[in-house]
Amino acid sequence: MPIEARNEHERVVRAQRETQILRKFVGDSSTFRRAISTVTIAAQTDAAVLVTGETGTGKELVARAVHYLSNRAGEPFVAINCGSLTDTLLEDELFGHERGAFTDARHRRSGLIAQAERGTLFLDEIDSLTPRGQVALLRVLQDKVYRPLGAGREFQAEVRFVAATNVSLLEAVSSGTFRADLFYRLSVFTIELPALRARKEDILPLATHFLAKHCGDGAVPTLSAAAAATLLSSDWPGNVRELENAMIRAARLCECGIVDVDHLSMPGLHRSTAAPMLPIGSRQLRMLKCEVIRSFEHDYLSRVMQEADGNVTHAAKIAGKDRRDFGKLLKKHGLAGSSFRKSG
């Protein structure tokens, strides 16, 4: 294959892979898209990346995207929760050991850095790394070398580091619990993921996405207007993970293809105390109103189409609308008559 053709083929493959990976990030809010835009930029370098955000915002998903969008995509992605790296296990877990390095070391064992060679090592909850662990990791980041326990020489650390935390490392640096030099080594690129309550306009698209993901082979349930309003007015302290869990439950509990408020009942679903305080005319209130109207339209159209057994003309008559206008509404909400026709 000529060089030009091969280069074009590789470019197309990369573009398809990027589209496939970025499609996993659902949401169009400006704060979220701004954070995700950094993913593709950081992926094209070998620099360390620090992903921050509350629990459940998708930090590991971002870390994997950085890896699979990079030139290291074909190599290992190895993840470790730093809370498990106690001082007694630290060096063995990170660097591995040679045979005979200590009692019961009957075989050579590769550490996490060797396991992730040429790939990515994801350090989750980096804030929980012990002071000794911080020193050990800093040397690897600075000198790009490590020494397995019992080894007579050092090895090159050919690995890309991505770390994640749900606390402010700057505050940890100020309080003296996290090394400043390690923080600056890890945060060449920083991707800050917003809490779900800060991207309200993404809640309903995410809910619909998760319903489709977890409904199995059956028809995808739709949200009632009341359920949509409840989702939009909730705090979601568990963020996207909590929302997904709620939709998994709702998809199993709902009947007739409509998710109602009762199907959302689960521990952790809290109504926001701030929602009623929104000033009239604010962007948030307008957004809330538009989302509820959109959800109501989708719910109503689905019910009418079910009653009409997928017959658009019949459904338009039930709704008291012109068939052409009714068809435009169906297209707007991505509803097709064929999906409402009963089998047999």
C-alpha atoms as a PDB file:
ATOM      1  CA  MET A   1       0.000   0.000   0.000  1.00  0.00           C
ATOM      2  CA  PRO A   2       1.432   3.435  -0.944  1.00  0.00           C
ATOM      3  CA  ILE A   3       2.506   5.634   1.967  1.00  0.00           C
ATOM      4  CA  GLU A   4      -0.176   8.245   1.234  1.00  0.00           C
ATOM      5  CA  ALA A   5      -2.936   5.618   1.189  1.00  0.00           C
ATOM      6  CA  ARG A   6      -1.632   4.021   4.376  1.00  0.00           C
ATOM      7  CA  ASN A   7      -1.502   7.383   6.150  1.00  0.00           C
ATOM      8  CA  GLU A   8      -5.046   8.181   5.055  1.00  0.00           C
ATOM      9  CA  HIS A   9      -6.243   4.772   6.242  1.00  0.00           C
ATOM     10  CA  GLU A  10      -4.615   5.303   9.645  1.00  0.00           C
ATOM     11  CA  ARG A  11      -6.177   8.762   9.888  1.00  0.00           C
ATOM     12  CA  VAL A  12      -9.647   7.353   9.185  1.00  0.00           C
ATOM     13  CA  VAL A  13      -9.165   4.560  11.731  1.00  0.00           C
ATOM     14  CA  ARG A  14      -8.045   7.070  14.376  1.00  0.00           C
ATOM     15  CA  ALA A  15     -11.022   9.313  13.648  1.00  0.00           C
ATOM     16  CA  GLN A  16     -13.445   6.374  13.938  1.00  0.00           C
ATOM     17  CA  ARG A  17     -11.866   5.268  17.206  1.00  0.00           C
ATOM     18  CA  GLU A  18     -12.069   8.805  18.600  1.00  0.00           C
ATOM     19  CA  THR A  19     -15.740   9.091  17.650  1.00  0.00           C
ATOM     20  CA  GLN A  20     -16.510   5.733  19.242  1.00  0.00           C
ATOM     21  CA  ILE A  21     -14.758   6.628  22.500  1.00  0.00           C
ATOM     22  CA  LEU A  22     -16.103  10.172  22.812  1.00  0.00           C
ATOM     23  CA  ARG A  23     -19.646   8.922  22.177  1.00  0.00           C
ATOM     24  CA  LYS A  24     -19.536   7.424  25.667  1.00  0.00           C
ATOM     25  CA  PHE A  25     -19.543  10.938  27.123  1.00  0.00           C
ATOM     26  CA  VAL A  26     -23.198  11.971  27.162  1.00  0.00           C
ATOM     27  CA  GLY A  27     -23.968  15.643  27.725  1.00  0.00           C
ATOM     28  CA  ASP A  28     -23.830  19.000  25.999  1.00  0.00           C
ATOM     29  CA  SER A  29     -23.505  21.399  28.925  1.00  0.00           C
ATOM     30  CA  SER A  30     -20.689  23.887  28.458  1.00  0.00           C
ATOM     31  CA  THR A  31     -18.899  22.901  31.687  1.00  0.00           C
ATOM     32  CA  PHE A  32     -18.906  19.224  30.747  1.00  0.00           C
ATOM     33  CA  ARG A  33     -17.882  19.709  27.101  1.00  0.00           C
ATOM     34  CA  ARG A  34     -15.069  22.030  28.206  1.00  0.00           C
ATOM     35  CA  ALA A  35     -13.711  19.296  30.478  1.00  0.00           C
ATOM     36  CA  ILE A  36     -14.005  16.605  27.795  1.00  0.00           C
ATOM     37  CA  SER A  37     -12.278  18.795  25.191  1.00  0.00           C
ATOM     38  CA  THR A  38      -9.093  18.487  27.255  1.00  0.00           C
ATOM     39  CA  VAL A  39      -9.204  14.677  26.968  1.00  0.00           C
ATOM     40  CA  THR A  40      -8.262  14.564  23.288  1.00  0.00           C
ATOM     41  CA  ILE A  41      -5.551  17.188  23.782  1.00  0.00           C
ATOM     42  CA  ALA A  42      -3.956  15.390  26.731  1.00  0.00           C
ATOM     43  CA  ALA A  43      -4.184  12.026  24.957  1.00  0.00           C
ATOM     44  CA  GLN A  44      -1.811  13.173  22.224  1.00  0.00           C
ATOM     45  CA  THR A  45       0.999  13.662  24.752  1.00  0.00           C
ATOM     46  CA  ASP A  46       2.815  11.406  27.201  1.00  0.00           C
ATOM     47  CA  ALA A  47       2.401  13.908  30.039  1.00  0.00           C
ATOM     48  CA  ALA A  48       0.793  12.974  33.345  1.00  0.00           C
ATOM     49  CA  VAL A  49      -2.899  13.749  33.743  1.00  0.00           C
ATOM     50  CA  LEU A  50      -4.821  14.528  36.931  1.00  0.00           C
ATOM     51  CA  VAL A  51      -8.591  13.926  36.798  1.00  0.00           C
ATOM     52  CA  THR A  52     -10.589  15.600  39.560  1.00  0.00           C
ATOM     53  CA  GLY A  53     -14.259  15.506  40.484  1.00  0.00           C
ATOM     54  CA  GLU A  54     -16.718  14.233  43.027  1.00  0.00           C
ATOM     55  CA  THR A  55     -17.416  10.530  43.457  1.00  0.00           C
ATOM     56  CA  GLY A  56     -19.456   9.185  40.567  1.00  0.00           C
ATOM     57  CA  THR A  57     -18.586  11.849  37.985  1.00  0.00           C
ATOM     58  CA  GLY A  58     -16.776   9.421  35.663  1.00  0.00           C
ATOM     59  CA  LYS A  59     -13.079   9.861  36.447  1.00  0.00           C
ATOM     60  CA  GLU A  60     -12.049   6.338  35.415  1.00  0.00           C
ATOM     61  CA  LEU A  61     -14.037   6.678  32.174  1.00  0.00           C
ATOM     62  CA  VAL A  62     -11.975   9.792  31.407  1.00  0.00           C
ATOM     63  CA  ALA A  63      -8.736   8.013  32.319  1.00  0.00           C
ATOM     64  CA  ARG A  64      -9.559   5.162  29.944  1.00  0.00           C
ATOM     65  CA  ALA A  65     -10.446   7.649  27.194  1.00  0.00           C
ATOM     66  CA  VAL A  66      -7.058   9.351  27.601  1.00  0.00           C
ATOM     67  CA  HIS A  67      -5.412   5.945  27.213  1.00  0.00           C
ATOM     68  CA  TYR A  68      -7.439   4.648  24.267  1.00  0.00           C
ATOM     69  CA  LEU A  69      -7.191   7.922  22.353  1.00  0.00           C
ATOM     70  CA  SER A  70      -3.401   7.914  22.681  1.00  0.00           C
ATOM     71  CA  ASN A  71      -0.644   6.089  20.845  1.00  0.00           C
ATOM     72  CA  ARG A  72      -0.568   3.693  23.801  1.00  0.00           C
ATOM     73  CA  ALA A  73      -4.057   2.349  23.021  1.00  0.00           C
ATOM     74  CA  GLY A  74      -2.753  -1.104  22.091  1.00  0.00           C
ATOM     75  CA  GLU A  75      -0.831  -1.467  25.344  1.00  0.00           C
ATOM     76  CA  PRO A  76      -2.086  -2.283  28.889  1.00  0.00           C
ATOM     77  CA  PHE A  77      -4.313  -0.044  30.979  1.00  0.00           C
ATOM     78  CA  VAL A  78      -3.643  -0.941  34.615  1.00  0.00           C
ATOM     79  CA  ALA A  79      -5.724   0.556  37.444  1.00  0.00           C
ATOM     80  CA  ILE A  80      -5.004   0.620  41.177  1.00  0.00           C
ATOM     81  CA  ASN A  81      -6.760   2.254  44.114  1.00  0.00           C
ATOM     82  CA  CYS A  82      -4.030   3.993  46.089  1.00  0.00           C
ATOM     83  CA  GLY A  83      -5.917   3.324  49.317  1.00  0.00           C
ATOM     84  CA  SER A  84      -4.796  -0.308  49.004  1.00  0.00           C
ATOM     85  CA  LEU A  85      -1.095   0.624  48.757  1.00  0.00           C
ATOM     86  CA  THR A  86      -0.069   0.325  52.396  1.00  0.00           C
ATOM     87  CA  ASP A  87       3.557   0.975  53.319  1.00  0.00           C
ATOM     88  CA  THR A  88       4.195  -2.741  53.844  1.00  0.00           C
ATOM     89  CA  LEU A  89       2.972  -3.614  50.340  1.00  0.00           C
ATOM     90  CA  LEU A  90       3.830  -0.412  48.519  1.00  0.00           C
ATOM     91  CA  GLU A  91       7.179  -1.154  46.872  1.00  0.00           C
ATOM     92  CA  ASP A  92       6.274  -4.740  46.045  1.00  0.00           C
ATOM     93  CA  GLU A  93       2.981  -3.661  44.439  1.00  0.00           C
ATOM     94  CA  LEU A  94       4.506  -0.810  42.428  1.00  0.00           C
ATOM     95  CA  PHE A  95       7.946  -2.212  41.589  1.00  0.00           C
ATOM     96  CA  GLY A  96       7.660  -5.979  42.026  1.00  0.00           C
ATOM     97  CA  HIS A  97      10.425  -8.229  43.336  1.00  0.00           C
ATOM     98  CA  GLU A  98      13.097 -10.670  42.262  1.00  0.00           C
ATOM     99  CA  ARG A  99      13.256 -14.280  43.374  1.00  0.00           C
ATOM    100  CA  GLY A 100      14.745 -14.504  46.865  1.00  0.00           C
ATOM    101  CA  ALA A 101      14.219 -10.804  47.625  1.00  0.00           C
ATOM    102  CA  PHE A 102      12.567 -11.758  50.915  1.00  0.00           C
ATOM    103  CA  THR A 103      11.196 -14.795  52.716  1.00  0.00           C
ATOM    104  CA  ASP A 104       8.704 -16.718  50.566  1.00  0.00           C
ATOM    105  CA  ALA A 105       9.733 -14.815  47.410  1.00  0.00           C
ATOM    106  CA  ARG A 106      10.106 -18.041  45.435  1.00  0.00           C
ATOM    107  CA  HIS A 107       9.362 -16.486  42.066  1.00  0.00           C
ATOM    108  CA  ARG A 108      10.020 -13.205  40.321  1.00  0.00           C
ATOM    109  CA  ARG A 109       6.954 -10.936  40.357  1.00  0.00           C
ATOM    110  CA  SER A 110       6.279  -7.938  38.127  1.00  0.00           C
ATOM    111  CA  GLY A 111       4.931  -4.811  39.795  1.00  0.00           C
ATOM    112  CA  LEU A 112       2.221  -2.500  38.491  1.00  0.00           C
ATOM    113  CA  ILE A 113       4.671  -0.305  36.610  1.00  0.00           C
ATOM    114  CA  ALA A 114       6.068  -3.285  34.706  1.00  0.00           C
ATOM    115  CA  GLN A 115       2.560  -4.609  34.063  1.00  0.00           C
ATOM    116  CA  ALA A 116       1.623  -1.259  32.512  1.00  0.00           C
ATOM    117  CA  GLU A 117       4.798  -1.008  30.425  1.00  0.00           C
ATOM    118  CA  ARG A 118       4.311   1.157  27.303  1.00  0.00           C
ATOM    119  CA  GLY A 119       0.720   1.673  28.458  1.00  0.00           C
ATOM    120  CA  THR A 120      -1.052   3.638  31.192  1.00  0.00           C
ATOM    121  CA  LEU A 121      -1.038   3.271  34.973  1.00  0.00           C
ATOM    122  CA  PHE A 122      -4.201   4.718  36.509  1.00  0.00           C
ATOM    123  CA  LEU A 123      -3.774   5.774  40.139  1.00  0.00           C
ATOM    124  CA  ASP A 124      -7.249   6.227  41.608  1.00  0.00           C
ATOM    125  CA  GLU A 125      -7.748   8.110  44.881  1.00  0.00           C
ATOM    126  CA  ILE A 126      -4.198   9.434  44.663  1.00  0.00           C
ATOM    127  CA  ASP A 127      -4.893  11.577  47.733  1.00  0.00           C
ATOM    128  CA  SER A 128      -4.879   8.422  49.898  1.00  0.00           C
ATOM    129  CA  LEU A 129      -1.267   7.572  48.991  1.00  0.00           C
ATOM    130  CA  THR A 130       0.891   7.430  52.123  1.00  0.00           C
ATOM    131  CA  PRO A 131       3.840   9.841  52.595  1.00  0.00           C
ATOM    132  CA  ARG A 132       6.221   6.977  51.830  1.00  0.00           C
ATOM    133  CA  GLY A 133       4.228   6.133  48.729  1.00  0.00           C
ATOM    134  CA  GLN A 134       4.342   9.745  47.591  1.00  0.00           C
ATOM    135  CA  VAL A 135       8.145   9.760  47.819  1.00  0.00           C
ATOM    136  CA  ALA A 136       8.425   6.487  45.886  1.00  0.00           C
ATOM    137  CA  LEU A 137       6.086   7.670  43.135  1.00  0.00           C
ATOM    138  CA  LEU A 138       7.793  11.065  42.882  1.00  0.00           C
ATOM    139  CA  ARG A 139      11.132   9.444  42.072  1.00  0.00           C
ATOM    140  CA  VAL A 140       9.564   7.402  39.280  1.00  0.00           C
ATOM    141  CA  LEU A 141       7.958  10.517  37.801  1.00  0.00           C
ATOM    142  CA  GLN A 142      11.173  12.541  38.074  1.00  0.00           C
ATOM    143  CA  ASP A 143      13.774  10.007  36.968  1.00  0.00           C
ATOM    144  CA  LYS A 144      11.631   7.586  34.929  1.00  0.00           C
ATOM    145  CA  VAL A 145      13.308   4.608  36.638  1.00  0.00           C
ATOM    146  CA  TYR A 146      12.418   2.099  39.355  1.00  0.00           C
ATOM    147  CA  ARG A 147      14.124  -0.794  41.134  1.00  0.00           C
ATOM    148  CA  PRO A 148      12.250  -4.031  41.957  1.00  0.00           C
ATOM    149  CA  LEU A 149      12.916  -5.420  45.424  1.00  0.00           C
ATOM    150  CA  GLY A 150      16.097  -7.496  45.371  1.00  0.00           C
ATOM    151  CA  ALA A 151      17.119  -6.333  41.889  1.00  0.00           C
ATOM    152  CA  GLY A 152      20.703  -5.387  41.161  1.00  0.00           C
ATOM    153  CA  ARG A 153      19.827  -2.662  38.661  1.00  0.00           C
ATOM    154  CA  GLU A 154      17.203  -0.095  37.790  1.00  0.00           C
ATOM    155  CA  PHE A 155      14.637  -0.385  35.010  1.00  0.00           C
ATOM    156  CA  GLN A 156      13.139   2.274  32.778  1.00  0.00           C
ATOM    157  CA  ALA A 157       9.579   3.257  33.718  1.00  0.00           C
ATOM    158  CA  GLU A 158       8.076   3.415  30.220  1.00  0.00           C
ATOM    159  CA  VAL A 159       4.566   4.194  31.382  1.00  0.00           C
ATOM    160  CA  ARG A 160       2.068   7.050  31.289  1.00  0.00           C
ATOM    161  CA  PHE A 161       0.548   8.118  34.627  1.00  0.00           C
ATOM    162  CA  VAL A 162      -3.067   9.205  35.043  1.00  0.00           C
ATOM    163  CA  ALA A 163      -4.207  10.003  38.577  1.00  0.00           C
ATOM    164  CA  ALA A 164      -7.652  10.760  39.979  1.00  0.00           C
ATOM    165  CA  THR A 165      -8.987  12.314  43.166  1.00  0.00           C
ATOM    166  CA  ASN A 166     -12.290  13.464  44.604  1.00  0.00           C
ATOM    167  CA  VAL A 167     -10.688  15.984  46.976  1.00  0.00           C
ATOM    168  CA  SER A 168      -8.762  19.205  46.409  1.00  0.00           C
ATOM    169  CA  LEU A 169      -5.073  18.307  46.192  1.00  0.00           C
ATOM    170  CA  LEU A 170      -4.213  22.001  46.457  1.00  0.00           C
ATOM    171  CA  GLU A 171      -5.847  22.045  49.878  1.00  0.00           C
ATOM    172  CA  ALA A 172      -3.997  18.832  50.747  1.00  0.00           C
ATOM    173  CA  VAL A 173      -0.737  20.502  49.701  1.00  0.00           C
ATOM    174  CA  SER A 174      -1.556  23.536  51.855  1.00  0.00           C
ATOM    175  CA  SER A 175      -2.318  21.323  54.851  1.00  0.00           C
ATOM    176  CA  GLY A 176       0.903  19.357  54.352  1.00  0.00           C
ATOM    177  CA  THR A 177      -0.729  15.984  53.677  1.00  0.00           C
ATOM    178  CA  PHE A 178       0.285  15.870  50.015  1.00  0.00           C
ATOM    179  CA  ARG A 179       3.656  16.768  48.511  1.00  0.00           C
ATOM    180  CA  ALA A 180       3.646  19.895  46.367  1.00  0.00           C
ATOM    181  CA  ASP A 181       6.352  18.550  44.039  1.00  0.00           C
ATOM    182  CA  LEU A 182       4.326  15.379  43.421  1.00  0.00           C
ATOM    183  CA  PHE A 183       1.178  17.417  42.799  1.00  0.00           C
ATOM    184  CA  TYR A 184       2.873  19.495  40.106  1.00  0.00           C
ATOM    185  CA  ARG A 185       4.365  16.381  38.487  1.00  0.00           C
ATOM    186  CA  LEU A 186       0.939  14.743  38.297  1.00  0.00           C
ATOM    187  CA  SER A 187      -1.036  17.772  37.123  1.00  0.00           C
ATOM    188  CA  VAL A 188       0.633  18.624  33.812  1.00  0.00           C
ATOM    189  CA  PHE A 189      -2.902  18.307  32.441  1.00  0.00           C
ATOM    190  CA  THR A 190      -5.847  18.673  34.820  1.00  0.00           C
ATOM    191  CA  ILE A 191      -9.337  17.578  33.818  1.00  0.00           C
ATOM    192  CA  GLU A 192     -11.972  18.766  36.294  1.00  0.00           C
ATOM    193  CA  LEU A 193     -15.296  16.949  35.927  1.00  0.00           C
ATOM    194  CA  PRO A 194     -18.359  18.928  37.056  1.00  0.00           C
ATOM    195  CA  ALA A 195     -20.894  17.545  39.503  1.00  0.00           C
ATOM    196  CA  LEU A 196     -24.204  16.481  37.979  1.00  0.00           C
ATOM    197  CA  ARG A 197     -26.038  19.260  39.827  1.00  0.00           C
ATOM    198  CA  ALA A 198     -23.824  21.736  37.930  1.00  0.00           C
ATOM    199  CA  ARG A 199     -24.918  20.327  34.561  1.00  0.00           C
ATOM    200  CA  LYS A 200     -28.669  19.995  35.025  1.00  0.00           C
ATOM    201  CA  GLU A 201     -29.336  20.144  31.288  1.00  0.00           C
ATOM    202  CA  ASP A 202     -27.532  16.811  30.894  1.00  0.00           C
ATOM    203  CA  ILE A 203     -29.673  14.888  33.406  1.00  0.00           C
ATOM    204  CA  LEU A 204     -32.514  13.862  31.082  1.00  0.00           C
ATOM    205  CA  PRO A 205     -30.262  12.907  28.132  1.00  0.00           C
ATOM    206  CA  LEU A 206     -28.184  10.807  30.554  1.00  0.00           C
ATOM    207  CA  ALA A 207     -31.305   9.199  32.039  1.00  0.00           C
ATOM    208  CA  THR A 208     -32.571   8.296  28.555  1.00  0.00           C
ATOM    209  CA  HIS A 209     -29.129   6.928  27.642  1.00  0.00           C
ATOM    210  CA  PHE A 210     -29.042   4.695  30.724  1.00  0.00           C
ATOM    211  CA  LEU A 211     -32.602   3.463  30.187  1.00  0.00           C
ATOM    212  CA  ALA A 212     -31.631   2.405  26.667  1.00  0.00           C
ATOM    213  CA  LYS A 213     -28.439   0.803  27.964  1.00  0.00           C
ATOM    214  CA  HIS A 214     -30.173  -1.278  30.636  1.00  0.00           C
ATOM    215  CA  CYS A 215     -33.546  -2.143  29.099  1.00  0.00           C
ATOM    216  CA  GLY A 216     -32.223  -5.308  27.507  1.00  0.00           C
ATOM    217  CA  ASP A 217     -33.800  -6.307  24.211  1.00  0.00           C
ATOM    218  CA  GLY A 218     -37.159  -4.732  24.991  1.00  0.00           C
ATOM    219  CA  ALA A 219     -38.545  -1.332  24.027  1.00  0.00           C
ATOM    220  CA  VAL A 220     -36.793   1.584  25.706  1.00  0.00           C
ATOM    221  CA  PRO A 221     -38.993   3.076  28.477  1.00  0.00           C
ATOM    222  CA  THR A 222     -39.775   6.781  28.426  1.00  0.00           C
ATOM    223  CA  LEU A 223     -39.870   9.210  31.337  1.00  0.00           C
ATOM    224  CA  SER A 224     -43.158  10.691  32.461  1.00  0.00           C
ATOM    225  CA  ALA A 225     -43.225  14.472  32.885  1.00  0.00           C
ATOM    226  CA  ALA A 226     -43.416  14.041  36.670  1.00  0.00           C
ATOM    227  CA  ALA A 227     -40.429  11.684  36.695  1.00  0.00           C
ATOM    228  CA  ALA A 228     -38.444  14.077  34.528  1.00  0.00           C
ATOM    229  CA  ALA A 229     -39.211  16.977  36.868  1.00  0.00           C
ATOM    230  CA  THR A 230     -38.154  14.863  39.859  1.00  0.00           C
ATOM    231  CA  LEU A 231     -34.838  13.971  38.229  1.00  0.00           C
ATOM    232  CA  LEU A 232     -34.163  17.611  37.387  1.00  0.00           C
ATOM    233  CA  SER A 233     -34.915  18.827  40.899  1.00  0.00           C
ATOM    234  CA  SER A 234     -32.680  16.320  42.669  1.00  0.00           C
ATOM    235  CA  ASP A 235     -29.236  16.921  44.185  1.00  0.00           C
ATOM    236  CA  TRP A 236     -27.603  13.686  42.932  1.00  0.00           C
ATOM    237  CA  PRO A 237     -24.811  13.527  45.527  1.00  0.00           C
ATOM    238  CA  GLY A 238     -23.667  10.305  43.850  1.00  0.00           C
ATOM    239  CA  ASN A 239     -23.623  12.090  40.497  1.00  0.00           C
ATOM    240  CA  VAL A 240     -23.762  10.127  37.221  1.00  0.00           C
ATOM    241  CA  ARG A 241     -23.207   6.799  38.958  1.00  0.00           C
ATOM    242  CA  GLU A 242     -26.222   7.396  41.214  1.00  0.00           C
ATOM    243  CA  LEU A 243     -28.347   8.426  38.236  1.00  0.00           C
ATOM    244  CA  GLU A 244     -27.388   5.270  36.354  1.00  0.00           C
ATOM    245  CA  ASN A 245     -28.312   3.128  39.352  1.00  0.00           C
ATOM    246  CA  ALA A 246     -31.690   4.876  39.521  1.00  0.00           C
ATOM    247  CA  MET A 247     -32.311   4.162  35.843  1.00  0.00           C
ATOM    248  CA  ILE A 248     -31.308   0.498  36.221  1.00  0.00           C
ATOM    249  CA  ARG A 249     -33.918   0.182  38.957  1.00  0.00           C
ATOM    250  CA  ALA A 250     -36.546   2.137  37.006  1.00  0.00           C
ATOM    251  CA  ALA A 251     -36.044   0.028  33.879  1.00  0.00           C
ATOM    252  CA  ARG A 252     -36.832  -3.110  35.914  1.00  0.00           C
ATOM    253  CA  LEU A 253     -39.772  -1.678  37.848  1.00  0.00           C
ATOM    254  CA  CYS A 254     -41.691   0.264  35.223  1.00  0.00           C
ATOM    255  CA  GLU A 255     -44.582  -1.242  33.285  1.00  0.00           C
ATOM    256  CA  CYS A 256     -46.221  -0.156  30.037  1.00  0.00           C
ATOM    257  CA  GLY A 257     -42.970   1.465  28.959  1.00  0.00           C
ATOM    258  CA  ILE A 258     -43.379   4.602  31.131  1.00  0.00           C
ATOM    259  CA  VAL A 259     -41.044   5.450  34.031  1.00  0.00           C
ATOM    260  CA  ASP A 260     -42.986   7.318  36.709  1.00  0.00           C
ATOM    261  CA  VAL A 261     -41.929   8.908  40.000  1.00  0.00           C
ATOM    262  CA  ASP A 262     -42.651   5.751  42.005  1.00  0.00           C
ATOM    263  CA  HIS A 263     -40.129   3.824  39.917  1.00  0.00           C
ATOM    264  CA  LEU A 264     -37.365   6.240  40.987  1.00  0.00           C
ATOM    265  CA  SER A 265     -37.745   5.515  44.686  1.00  0.00           C
ATOM    266  CA  MET A 266     -34.381   4.440  46.060  1.00  0.00           C
ATOM    267  CA  PRO A 267     -31.912   5.424  48.792  1.00  0.00           C
ATOM    268  CA  GLY A 268     -29.823   8.412  47.787  1.00  0.00           C
ATOM    269  CA  LEU A 269     -32.421  10.185  45.640  1.00  0.00           C
ATOM    270  CA  HIS A 270     -32.775  13.623  47.216  1.00  0.00           C
ATOM    271  CA  ARG A 271     -34.814  16.579  46.152  1.00  0.00           C
ATOM    272  CA  SER A 272     -32.800  19.760  45.932  1.00  0.00           C
ATOM    273  CA  THR A 273     -33.645  22.384  48.529  1.00  0.00           C
ATOM    274  CA  ALA A 274     -32.188  25.001  46.212  1.00  0.00           C
ATOM    275  CA  ALA A 275     -34.493  24.335  43.250  1.00  0.00           C
ATOM    276  CA  PRO A 276     -37.494  26.347  44.573  1.00  0.00           C
ATOM    277  CA  MET A 277     -35.177  29.307  45.210  1.00  0.00           C
ATOM    278  CA  LEU A 278     -34.327  29.784  41.532  1.00  0.00           C
ATOM    279  CA  PRO A 279     -35.237  33.334  40.486  1.00  0.00           C
ATOM    280  CA  ILE A 280     -38.022  33.656  37.938  1.00  0.00           C
ATOM    281  CA  GLY A 281     -36.574  34.278  34.499  1.00  0.00           C
ATOM    282  CA  SER A 282     -33.249  32.655  35.322  1.00  0.00           C
ATOM    283  CA  ARG A 283     -31.589  30.438  32.756  1.00  0.00           C
ATOM    284  CA  GLN A 284     -31.966  27.462  35.080  1.00  0.00           C
ATOM    285  CA  LEU A 285     -35.733  27.915  35.343  1.00  0.00           C
ATOM    286  CA  ARG A 286     -36.148  28.300  31.605  1.00  0.00           C
ATOM    287  CA  MET A 287     -34.024  25.223  31.074  1.00  0.00           C
ATOM    288  CA  LEU A 288     -36.098  23.265  33.596  1.00  0.00           C
ATOM    289  CA  LYS A 289     -39.344  24.310  31.917  1.00  0.00           C
ATOM    290  CA  CYS A 290     -38.071  23.358  28.454  1.00  0.00           C
ATOM    291  CA  GLU A 291     -36.885  19.968  29.644  1.00  0.00           C
ATOM    292  CA  VAL A 292     -40.193  19.187  31.368  1.00  0.00           C
ATOM    293  CA  ILE A 293     -42.136  20.224  28.259  1.00  0.00           C
ATOM    294  CA  ARG A 294     -39.881  18.107  26.061  1.00  0.00           C
ATOM    295  CA  SER A 295     -40.328  15.123  28.361  1.00  0.00           C
ATOM    296  CA  PHE A 296     -44.112  15.638  28.467  1.00  0.00           C
ATOM    297  CA  GLU A 297     -44.291  15.756  24.663  1.00  0.00           C
ATOM    298  CA  HIS A 298     -42.214  12.569  24.381  1.00  0.00           C
ATOM    299  CA  ASP A 299     -44.372  10.829  26.997  1.00  0.00           C
ATOM    300  CA  TYR A 300     -47.646  11.925  25.389  1.00  0.00           C
ATOM    301  CA  LEU A 301     -46.565  11.023  21.851  1.00  0.00           C
ATOM    302  CA  SER A 302     -45.410   7.585  23.011  1.00  0.00           C
ATOM    303  CA  ARG A 303     -48.732   6.899  24.739  1.00  0.00           C
ATOM    304  CA  VAL A 304     -50.748   8.009  21.696  1.00  0.00           C
ATOM    305  CA  MET A 305     -48.621   5.943  19.319  1.00  0.00           C
ATOM    306  CA  GLN A 306     -49.018   2.891  21.561  1.00  0.00           C
ATOM    307  CA  GLU A 307     -52.795   3.363  21.580  1.00  0.00           C
ATOM    308  CA  ALA A 308     -52.791   3.726  17.771  1.00  0.00           C
ATOM    309  CA  ASP A 309     -50.605   0.635  17.366  1.00  0.00           C
ATOM    310  CA  GLY A 310     -48.006   2.697  15.496  1.00  0.00           C
ATOM    311  CA  ASN A 311     -50.471   4.125  12.940  1.00  0.00           C
ATOM    312  CA  VAL A 312     -49.390   7.760  12.515  1.00  0.00           C
ATOM    313  CA  THR A 313     -52.657   8.867  10.851  1.00  0.00           C
ATOM    314  CA  HIS A 314     -54.767   7.323  13.618  1.00  0.00           C
ATOM    315  CA  ALA A 315     -52.494   8.763  16.314  1.00  0.00           C
ATOM    316  CA  ALA A 316     -52.742  12.245  14.790  1.00  0.00           C
ATOM    317  CA  LYS A 317     -56.541  12.043  14.929  1.00  0.00           C
ATOM    318  CA  ILE A 318     -56.428  10.978  18.585  1.00  0.00           C
ATOM    319  CA  ALA A 319     -54.160  13.943  19.343  1.00  0.00           C
ATOM    320  CA  GLY A 320     -56.347  16.322  17.322  1.00  0.00           C
ATOM    321  CA  LYS A 321     -53.426  17.443  15.161  1.00  0.00           C
ATOM    322  CA  ASP A 322     -52.703  17.649  11.469  1.00  0.00           C
ATOM    323  CA  ARG A 323     -50.916  14.500  10.319  1.00  0.00           C
ATOM    324  CA  ARG A 324     -47.975  16.469   8.877  1.00  0.00           C
ATOM    325  CA  ASP A 325     -47.510  18.459  12.088  1.00  0.00           C
ATOM    326  CA  PHE A 326     -47.844  15.288  14.150  1.00  0.00           C
ATOM    327  CA  GLY A 327     -45.203  13.628  11.972  1.00  0.00           C
ATOM    328  CA  LYS A 328     -42.831  16.533  12.605  1.00  0.00           C
ATOM    329  CA  LEU A 329     -43.295  16.091  16.351  1.00  0.00           C
ATOM    330  CA  LEU A 330     -42.508  12.391  16.065  1.00  0.00           C
ATOM    331  CA  LYS A 331     -39.353  13.180  14.103  1.00  0.00           C
ATOM    332  CA  LYS A 332     -38.353  15.821  16.653  1.00  0.00           C
ATOM    333  CA  HIS A 333     -38.469  13.218  19.433  1.00  0.00           C
ATOM    334  CA  GLY A 334     -36.946  10.395  17.383  1.00  0.00           C
ATOM    335  CA  LEU A 335     -40.074   8.245  17.497  1.00  0.00           C
ATOM    336  CA  ALA A 336     -40.860   5.836  14.660  1.00  0.00           C
ATOM    337  CA  GLY A 337     -44.259   4.245  14.061  1.00  0.00           C
ATOM    338  CA  SER A 338     -42.729   0.811  13.503  1.00  0.00           C
ATOM    339  CA  SER A 339     -41.436   0.637  17.085  1.00  0.00           C
ATOM    340  CA  PHE A 340     -45.006   0.832  18.442  1.00  0.00           C
ATOM    341  CA  ARG A 341     -46.563  -1.873  16.263  1.00  0.00           C
ATOM    342  CA  LYS A 342     -47.507  -5.000  18.152  1.00  0.00           C
ATOM    343  CA  SER A 343     -45.938  -8.199  16.921  1.00  0.00           C
ATOM    344  CA  GLY A 344     -48.211 -10.677  15.238  1.00  0.00           C
END
